[in-house]
């Protein structure tokens, strides 16, 4: 009985969780097609992609490209984003695979149970600003804090990639929610603000992130239709 009361007290003291369709938890996988450790993390992250309370994004990084296989999805700006997280999460270096949850916690992602725990630990609560969108505008309501406003474009389909060299040579690896573009729309300073929405790209899905600068925590996110 005592343990049941303690568990109840702990649950009542826990902060309200934010993750739902309107406030998805952002899961960012940094990987490379040339990294032999990445496929297990990729599989674990892909398995979460259909959950409506999660926004799963896959970023290809470039620093493995010189080791025998050039990642067809990697871009320098995605590598820079991971280096921002190195600073924001106070790491000494970058590595793959790395799975970042709401810009707040990270794990490799190679163990499904550890990833599930990180998703819970990285929940951002309910304090973030409301985000809405029309065909022409992105609106961020008033709130607390300062954040960069990002438009993310990604391919929601599974893409099978034959790897012909490097550590994964001879394998065909599935990729999903591969990020193809990352556009900074501007800075949100805590007051209600609107930003011009770039024209959509056929075949790609989009999402908006409001995030503390320099690889900081995600304050708000919205998956766009």
C-alpha atoms as a PDB file:
ATOM      1  CA  UNK A   1       0.000   0.000   0.000  1.00  0.00           C
ATOM      2  CA  UNK A   2       2.827   2.374   0.885  1.00  0.00           C
ATOM      3  CA  UNK A   3       4.494   1.830  -2.491  1.00  0.00           C
ATOM      4  CA  UNK A   4       1.173   2.355  -4.289  1.00  0.00           C
ATOM      5  CA  UNK A   5       0.710   5.697  -2.484  1.00  0.00           C
ATOM      6  CA  UNK A   6       4.256   6.753  -3.355  1.00  0.00           C
ATOM      7  CA  UNK A   7       3.683   5.879  -7.018  1.00  0.00           C
ATOM      8  CA  UNK A   8       0.437   7.847  -7.026  1.00  0.00           C
ATOM      9  CA  UNK A   9       2.136  10.860  -5.460  1.00  0.00           C
ATOM     10  CA  UNK A  10       4.932  10.703  -8.024  1.00  0.00           C
ATOM     11  CA  UNK A  11       2.449  10.563 -10.894  1.00  0.00           C
ATOM     12  CA  UNK A  12       0.519  13.559  -9.536  1.00  0.00           C
ATOM     13  CA  UNK A  13       3.756  15.548  -9.171  1.00  0.00           C
ATOM     14  CA  UNK A  14       4.929  14.767 -12.707  1.00  0.00           C
ATOM     15  CA  UNK A  15       4.683  17.619 -15.232  1.00  0.00           C
ATOM     16  CA  UNK A  16       1.976  17.501 -17.873  1.00  0.00           C
ATOM     17  CA  UNK A  17       3.181  15.819 -21.058  1.00  0.00           C
ATOM     18  CA  UNK A  18       2.929  17.695 -24.351  1.00  0.00           C
ATOM     19  CA  UNK A  19       3.170  14.951 -26.935  1.00  0.00           C
ATOM     20  CA  UNK A  20       0.042  14.618 -29.059  1.00  0.00           C
ATOM     21  CA  UNK A  21      -0.982  15.252 -32.657  1.00  0.00           C
ATOM     22  CA  UNK A  22      -0.889  19.034 -32.178  1.00  0.00           C
ATOM     23  CA  UNK A  23       2.364  19.010 -30.163  1.00  0.00           C
ATOM     24  CA  UNK A  24       4.510  16.171 -31.499  1.00  0.00           C
ATOM     25  CA  UNK A  25       7.760  15.140 -29.876  1.00  0.00           C
ATOM     26  CA  UNK A  26      10.577  15.763 -32.362  1.00  0.00           C
ATOM     27  CA  UNK A  27      12.917  12.826 -32.942  1.00  0.00           C
ATOM     28  CA  UNK A  28      15.977  13.593 -35.078  1.00  0.00           C
ATOM     29  CA  UNK A  29      18.252  10.798 -36.250  1.00  0.00           C
ATOM     30  CA  UNK A  30      21.698  11.787 -37.498  1.00  0.00           C
ATOM     31  CA  UNK A  31      23.135   8.985 -39.585  1.00  0.00           C
ATOM     32  CA  UNK A  32      25.177   8.106 -42.642  1.00  0.00           C
ATOM     33  CA  UNK A  33      24.764   5.414 -45.257  1.00  0.00           C
ATOM     34  CA  UNK A  34      28.489   4.744 -44.800  1.00  0.00           C
ATOM     35  CA  UNK A  35      28.168   3.975 -41.077  1.00  0.00           C
ATOM     36  CA  UNK A  36      27.846   0.294 -40.159  1.00  0.00           C
ATOM     37  CA  UNK A  37      26.370   1.150 -36.731  1.00  0.00           C
ATOM     38  CA  UNK A  38      23.511   3.183 -38.178  1.00  0.00           C
ATOM     39  CA  UNK A  39      21.083   0.571 -39.621  1.00  0.00           C
ATOM     40  CA  UNK A  40      19.832  -0.674 -36.200  1.00  0.00           C
ATOM     41  CA  UNK A  41      19.137   2.881 -35.023  1.00  0.00           C
ATOM     42  CA  UNK A  42      17.527   3.688 -38.353  1.00  0.00           C
ATOM     43  CA  UNK A  43      15.229   0.671 -37.999  1.00  0.00           C
ATOM     44  CA  UNK A  44      14.233   1.637 -34.442  1.00  0.00           C
ATOM     45  CA  UNK A  45      13.511   5.226 -35.386  1.00  0.00           C
ATOM     46  CA  UNK A  46      11.604   4.239 -38.526  1.00  0.00           C
ATOM     47  CA  UNK A  47       9.398   2.002 -36.395  1.00  0.00           C
ATOM     48  CA  UNK A  48       8.143   5.142 -34.614  1.00  0.00           C
ATOM     49  CA  UNK A  49       7.350   7.120 -37.753  1.00  0.00           C
ATOM     50  CA  UNK A  50       3.647   6.250 -37.882  1.00  0.00           C
ATOM     51  CA  UNK A  51       2.900   7.492 -34.371  1.00  0.00           C
ATOM     52  CA  UNK A  52       0.874  10.730 -34.618  1.00  0.00           C
ATOM     53  CA  UNK A  53       2.407  12.118 -31.415  1.00  0.00           C
ATOM     54  CA  UNK A  54       5.925  11.900 -32.839  1.00  0.00           C
ATOM     55  CA  UNK A  55       7.664  13.814 -35.625  1.00  0.00           C
ATOM     56  CA  UNK A  56      10.470  11.586 -36.880  1.00  0.00           C
ATOM     57  CA  UNK A  57      13.192  13.170 -39.038  1.00  0.00           C
ATOM     58  CA  UNK A  58      16.274  11.565 -40.587  1.00  0.00           C
ATOM     59  CA  UNK A  59      19.327  13.737 -41.328  1.00  0.00           C
ATOM     60  CA  UNK A  60      22.232  12.503 -43.443  1.00  0.00           C
ATOM     61  CA  UNK A  61      25.629  13.855 -42.364  1.00  0.00           C
ATOM     62  CA  UNK A  62      28.678  14.288 -44.554  1.00  0.00           C
ATOM     63  CA  UNK A  63      31.727  13.350 -42.466  1.00  0.00           C
ATOM     64  CA  UNK A  64      31.554   9.664 -43.425  1.00  0.00           C
ATOM     65  CA  UNK A  65      31.563  10.431 -47.147  1.00  0.00           C
ATOM     66  CA  UNK A  66      35.338  10.117 -47.535  1.00  0.00           C
ATOM     67  CA  UNK A  67      35.374   6.503 -46.296  1.00  0.00           C
ATOM     68  CA  UNK A  68      34.259   4.779 -49.468  1.00  0.00           C
ATOM     69  CA  UNK A  69      30.607   5.738 -49.911  1.00  0.00           C
ATOM     70  CA  UNK A  70      29.032   9.169 -50.394  1.00  0.00           C
ATOM     71  CA  UNK A  71      25.655   9.423 -48.651  1.00  0.00           C
ATOM     72  CA  UNK A  72      23.130  10.529 -51.268  1.00  0.00           C
ATOM     73  CA  UNK A  73      20.999  12.341 -48.665  1.00  0.00           C
ATOM     74  CA  UNK A  74      23.759  14.081 -46.694  1.00  0.00           C
ATOM     75  CA  UNK A  75      24.139  17.865 -46.756  1.00  0.00           C
ATOM     76  CA  UNK A  76      26.602  20.209 -45.034  1.00  0.00           C
ATOM     77  CA  UNK A  77      23.774  22.104 -43.330  1.00  0.00           C
ATOM     78  CA  UNK A  78      22.602  18.872 -41.686  1.00  0.00           C
ATOM     79  CA  UNK A  79      26.120  18.245 -40.407  1.00  0.00           C
ATOM     80  CA  UNK A  80      26.160  21.792 -39.022  1.00  0.00           C
ATOM     81  CA  UNK A  81      22.890  21.091 -37.245  1.00  0.00           C
ATOM     82  CA  UNK A  82      24.413  18.088 -35.526  1.00  0.00           C
ATOM     83  CA  UNK A  83      27.425  20.176 -34.495  1.00  0.00           C
ATOM     84  CA  UNK A  84      24.993  22.697 -33.004  1.00  0.00           C
ATOM     85  CA  UNK A  85      23.581  19.860 -30.920  1.00  0.00           C
ATOM     86  CA  UNK A  86      27.116  18.972 -29.835  1.00  0.00           C
ATOM     87  CA  UNK A  87      27.284  22.394 -28.218  1.00  0.00           C
ATOM     88  CA  UNK A  88      23.690  22.484 -27.022  1.00  0.00           C
ATOM     89  CA  UNK A  89      23.932  19.062 -25.365  1.00  0.00           C
ATOM     90  CA  UNK A  90      27.479  19.777 -24.124  1.00  0.00           C
ATOM     91  CA  UNK A  91      29.198  16.924 -25.890  1.00  0.00           C
ATOM     92  CA  UNK A  92      32.854  16.887 -26.886  1.00  0.00           C
ATOM     93  CA  UNK A  93      32.243  15.605 -30.409  1.00  0.00           C
ATOM     94  CA  UNK A  94      29.666  14.261 -32.853  1.00  0.00           C
ATOM     95  CA  UNK A  95      29.015  10.647 -33.828  1.00  0.00           C
ATOM     96  CA  UNK A  96      26.616   8.432 -35.719  1.00  0.00           C
ATOM     97  CA  UNK A  97      24.100   7.232 -35.025  1.00  0.00           C
ATOM     98  CA  UNK A  98      22.775   9.951 -32.745  1.00  0.00           C
ATOM     99  CA  UNK A  99      19.077  10.333 -31.958  1.00  0.00           C
ATOM    100  CA  UNK A 100      18.074  13.661 -30.415  1.00  0.00           C
ATOM    101  CA  UNK A 101      14.706  14.062 -28.653  1.00  0.00           C
ATOM    102  CA  UNK A 102      13.231  17.585 -28.669  1.00  0.00           C
ATOM    103  CA  UNK A 103      16.772  18.979 -28.579  1.00  0.00           C
ATOM    104  CA  UNK A 104      16.878  17.980 -24.899  1.00  0.00           C
ATOM    105  CA  UNK A 105      18.260  14.457 -24.578  1.00  0.00           C
ATOM    106  CA  UNK A 106      20.037  12.072 -26.921  1.00  0.00           C
ATOM    107  CA  UNK A 107      20.882   8.385 -27.315  1.00  0.00           C
ATOM    108  CA  UNK A 108      22.387   6.370 -30.134  1.00  0.00           C
ATOM    109  CA  UNK A 109      19.024   4.761 -30.856  1.00  0.00           C
ATOM    110  CA  UNK A 110      20.447   1.290 -31.438  1.00  0.00           C
ATOM    111  CA  UNK A 111      18.496  -0.128 -28.467  1.00  0.00           C
ATOM    112  CA  UNK A 112      14.733   0.207 -28.774  1.00  0.00           C
ATOM    113  CA  UNK A 113      14.094   0.223 -25.015  1.00  0.00           C
ATOM    114  CA  UNK A 114      16.634   2.974 -24.428  1.00  0.00           C
ATOM    115  CA  UNK A 115      15.115   4.998 -27.257  1.00  0.00           C
ATOM    116  CA  UNK A 116      11.633   4.611 -25.763  1.00  0.00           C
ATOM    117  CA  UNK A 117      12.896   5.863 -22.396  1.00  0.00           C
ATOM    118  CA  UNK A 118      14.557   8.855 -24.064  1.00  0.00           C
ATOM    119  CA  UNK A 119      11.313   9.762 -25.851  1.00  0.00           C
ATOM    120  CA  UNK A 120       9.604   9.973 -22.458  1.00  0.00           C
ATOM    121  CA  UNK A 121      12.490  11.825 -20.819  1.00  0.00           C
ATOM    122  CA  UNK A 122      12.658  14.387 -23.619  1.00  0.00           C
ATOM    123  CA  UNK A 123       8.992  15.418 -23.483  1.00  0.00           C
ATOM    124  CA  UNK A 124       8.934  19.212 -23.473  1.00  0.00           C
ATOM    125  CA  UNK A 125       5.844  19.802 -21.344  1.00  0.00           C
ATOM    126  CA  UNK A 126       3.036  22.214 -22.224  1.00  0.00           C
ATOM    127  CA  UNK A 127       4.711  25.625 -22.006  1.00  0.00           C
ATOM    128  CA  UNK A 128       5.643  26.111 -25.671  1.00  0.00           C
ATOM    129  CA  UNK A 129       3.967  28.676 -27.955  1.00  0.00           C
ATOM    130  CA  UNK A 130       1.087  27.635 -30.189  1.00  0.00           C
ATOM    131  CA  UNK A 131       1.991  27.297 -33.864  1.00  0.00           C
ATOM    132  CA  UNK A 132      -0.472  27.480 -36.756  1.00  0.00           C
ATOM    133  CA  UNK A 133      -0.192  27.698 -40.516  1.00  0.00           C
ATOM    134  CA  UNK A 134      -1.999  28.750 -43.656  1.00  0.00           C
ATOM    135  CA  UNK A 135      -0.868  28.259 -47.227  1.00  0.00           C
ATOM    136  CA  UNK A 136       1.028  31.542 -47.058  1.00  0.00           C
ATOM    137  CA  UNK A 137       1.958  32.123 -43.419  1.00  0.00           C
ATOM    138  CA  UNK A 138       3.367  30.464 -40.322  1.00  0.00           C
ATOM    139  CA  UNK A 139       2.071  32.006 -37.081  1.00  0.00           C
ATOM    140  CA  UNK A 140       3.743  31.606 -33.697  1.00  0.00           C
ATOM    141  CA  UNK A 141       1.707  32.828 -30.738  1.00  0.00           C
ATOM    142  CA  UNK A 142       3.070  34.768 -27.766  1.00  0.00           C
ATOM    143  CA  UNK A 143       4.937  32.803 -25.133  1.00  0.00           C
ATOM    144  CA  UNK A 144       8.112  32.626 -23.113  1.00  0.00           C
ATOM    145  CA  UNK A 145      11.575  32.412 -24.594  1.00  0.00           C
ATOM    146  CA  UNK A 146      13.375  33.050 -27.872  1.00  0.00           C
ATOM    147  CA  UNK A 147      13.649  30.640 -30.755  1.00  0.00           C
ATOM    148  CA  UNK A 148      14.603  30.155 -34.371  1.00  0.00           C
ATOM    149  CA  UNK A 149      11.656  29.206 -36.566  1.00  0.00           C
ATOM    150  CA  UNK A 150      12.535  26.417 -38.989  1.00  0.00           C
ATOM    151  CA  UNK A 151      10.636  24.910 -41.896  1.00  0.00           C
ATOM    152  CA  UNK A 152      11.648  21.283 -42.424  1.00  0.00           C
ATOM    153  CA  UNK A 153      10.940  19.411 -45.646  1.00  0.00           C
ATOM    154  CA  UNK A 154      11.142  15.629 -45.693  1.00  0.00           C
ATOM    155  CA  UNK A 155      10.175  12.626 -47.786  1.00  0.00           C
ATOM    156  CA  UNK A 156       7.512  10.601 -45.918  1.00  0.00           C
ATOM    157  CA  UNK A 157       8.003   7.522 -48.097  1.00  0.00           C
ATOM    158  CA  UNK A 158      10.351   4.593 -47.561  1.00  0.00           C
ATOM    159  CA  UNK A 159      13.289   4.842 -49.956  1.00  0.00           C
ATOM    160  CA  UNK A 160      15.432   1.761 -50.552  1.00  0.00           C
ATOM    161  CA  UNK A 161      19.077   2.686 -51.117  1.00  0.00           C
ATOM    162  CA  UNK A 162      21.537   0.124 -52.563  1.00  0.00           C
ATOM    163  CA  UNK A 163      24.941   0.706 -50.931  1.00  0.00           C
ATOM    164  CA  UNK A 164      27.736  -0.292 -53.276  1.00  0.00           C
ATOM    165  CA  UNK A 165      30.841   0.481 -51.197  1.00  0.00           C
ATOM    166  CA  UNK A 166      32.075   1.342 -47.721  1.00  0.00           C
ATOM    167  CA  UNK A 167      31.135  -0.280 -44.427  1.00  0.00           C
ATOM    168  CA  UNK A 168      27.616  -1.147 -45.622  1.00  0.00           C
ATOM    169  CA  UNK A 169      28.664  -2.177 -49.102  1.00  0.00           C
ATOM    170  CA  UNK A 170      26.388  -4.819 -50.634  1.00  0.00           C
ATOM    171  CA  UNK A 171      23.397  -3.938 -48.456  1.00  0.00           C
ATOM    172  CA  UNK A 172      20.177  -2.217 -49.449  1.00  0.00           C
ATOM    173  CA  UNK A 173      19.075   0.085 -46.633  1.00  0.00           C
ATOM    174  CA  UNK A 174      15.592   1.547 -46.159  1.00  0.00           C
ATOM    175  CA  UNK A 175      15.258   5.218 -45.281  1.00  0.00           C
ATOM    176  CA  UNK A 176      12.131   7.100 -44.253  1.00  0.00           C
ATOM    177  CA  UNK A 177      11.286  10.719 -43.408  1.00  0.00           C
ATOM    178  CA  UNK A 178      14.579  11.769 -44.958  1.00  0.00           C
ATOM    179  CA  UNK A 179      15.064  15.508 -44.563  1.00  0.00           C
ATOM    180  CA  UNK A 180      15.714  17.240 -47.870  1.00  0.00           C
ATOM    181  CA  UNK A 181      15.541  20.879 -46.803  1.00  0.00           C
ATOM    182  CA  UNK A 182      15.899  23.009 -43.682  1.00  0.00           C
ATOM    183  CA  UNK A 183      14.905  26.675 -44.012  1.00  0.00           C
ATOM    184  CA  UNK A 184      15.244  29.231 -41.223  1.00  0.00           C
ATOM    185  CA  UNK A 185      12.190  31.499 -41.457  1.00  0.00           C
ATOM    186  CA  UNK A 186      13.253  33.947 -38.774  1.00  0.00           C
ATOM    187  CA  UNK A 187      13.505  34.601 -35.048  1.00  0.00           C
ATOM    188  CA  UNK A 188      10.626  34.390 -32.595  1.00  0.00           C
ATOM    189  CA  UNK A 189      11.277  36.642 -29.597  1.00  0.00           C
ATOM    190  CA  UNK A 190       8.343  35.757 -27.364  1.00  0.00           C
ATOM    191  CA  UNK A 191       5.758  38.051 -28.940  1.00  0.00           C
ATOM    192  CA  UNK A 192       3.222  36.779 -31.463  1.00  0.00           C
ATOM    193  CA  UNK A 193       4.847  36.759 -34.891  1.00  0.00           C
ATOM    194  CA  UNK A 194       4.127  35.684 -38.453  1.00  0.00           C
ATOM    195  CA  UNK A 195       6.509  34.371 -41.105  1.00  0.00           C
ATOM    196  CA  UNK A 196       6.130  33.930 -44.844  1.00  0.00           C
ATOM    197  CA  UNK A 197       5.715  30.271 -45.754  1.00  0.00           C
ATOM    198  CA  UNK A 198       7.759  29.136 -48.770  1.00  0.00           C
ATOM    199  CA  UNK A 199       5.905  27.417 -51.575  1.00  0.00           C
ATOM    200  CA  UNK A 200       5.538  23.665 -51.009  1.00  0.00           C
ATOM    201  CA  UNK A 201       7.555  21.100 -52.935  1.00  0.00           C
ATOM    202  CA  UNK A 202       5.590  18.305 -54.605  1.00  0.00           C
ATOM    203  CA  UNK A 203       5.951  14.942 -52.890  1.00  0.00           C
ATOM    204  CA  UNK A 204       7.459  16.320 -49.679  1.00  0.00           C
ATOM    205  CA  UNK A 205       5.927  16.733 -46.244  1.00  0.00           C
ATOM    206  CA  UNK A 206       6.662  19.764 -44.058  1.00  0.00           C
ATOM    207  CA  UNK A 207       6.921  20.647 -40.387  1.00  0.00           C
ATOM    208  CA  UNK A 208       7.667  23.754 -38.339  1.00  0.00           C
ATOM    209  CA  UNK A 209      10.063  23.808 -35.403  1.00  0.00           C
ATOM    210  CA  UNK A 210      10.510  26.623 -32.891  1.00  0.00           C
ATOM    211  CA  UNK A 211      13.836  26.019 -31.211  1.00  0.00           C
ATOM    212  CA  UNK A 212      16.219  27.833 -28.925  1.00  0.00           C
ATOM    213  CA  UNK A 213      19.215  29.005 -30.993  1.00  0.00           C
ATOM    214  CA  UNK A 214      22.514  27.156 -31.041  1.00  0.00           C
ATOM    215  CA  UNK A 215      21.245  23.590 -30.813  1.00  0.00           C
ATOM    216  CA  UNK A 216      18.893  24.312 -27.940  1.00  0.00           C
ATOM    217  CA  UNK A 217      15.628  22.754 -26.871  1.00  0.00           C
ATOM    218  CA  UNK A 218      12.647  22.501 -29.191  1.00  0.00           C
ATOM    219  CA  UNK A 219       9.947  24.807 -27.798  1.00  0.00           C
ATOM    220  CA  UNK A 220       7.162  23.916 -30.220  1.00  0.00           C
ATOM    221  CA  UNK A 221       6.550  21.819 -33.316  1.00  0.00           C
ATOM    222  CA  UNK A 222       3.777  21.401 -35.844  1.00  0.00           C
ATOM    223  CA  UNK A 223       3.432  18.844 -38.617  1.00  0.00           C
ATOM    224  CA  UNK A 224       1.978  20.559 -41.697  1.00  0.00           C
ATOM    225  CA  UNK A 225      -0.365  18.924 -44.192  1.00  0.00           C
END
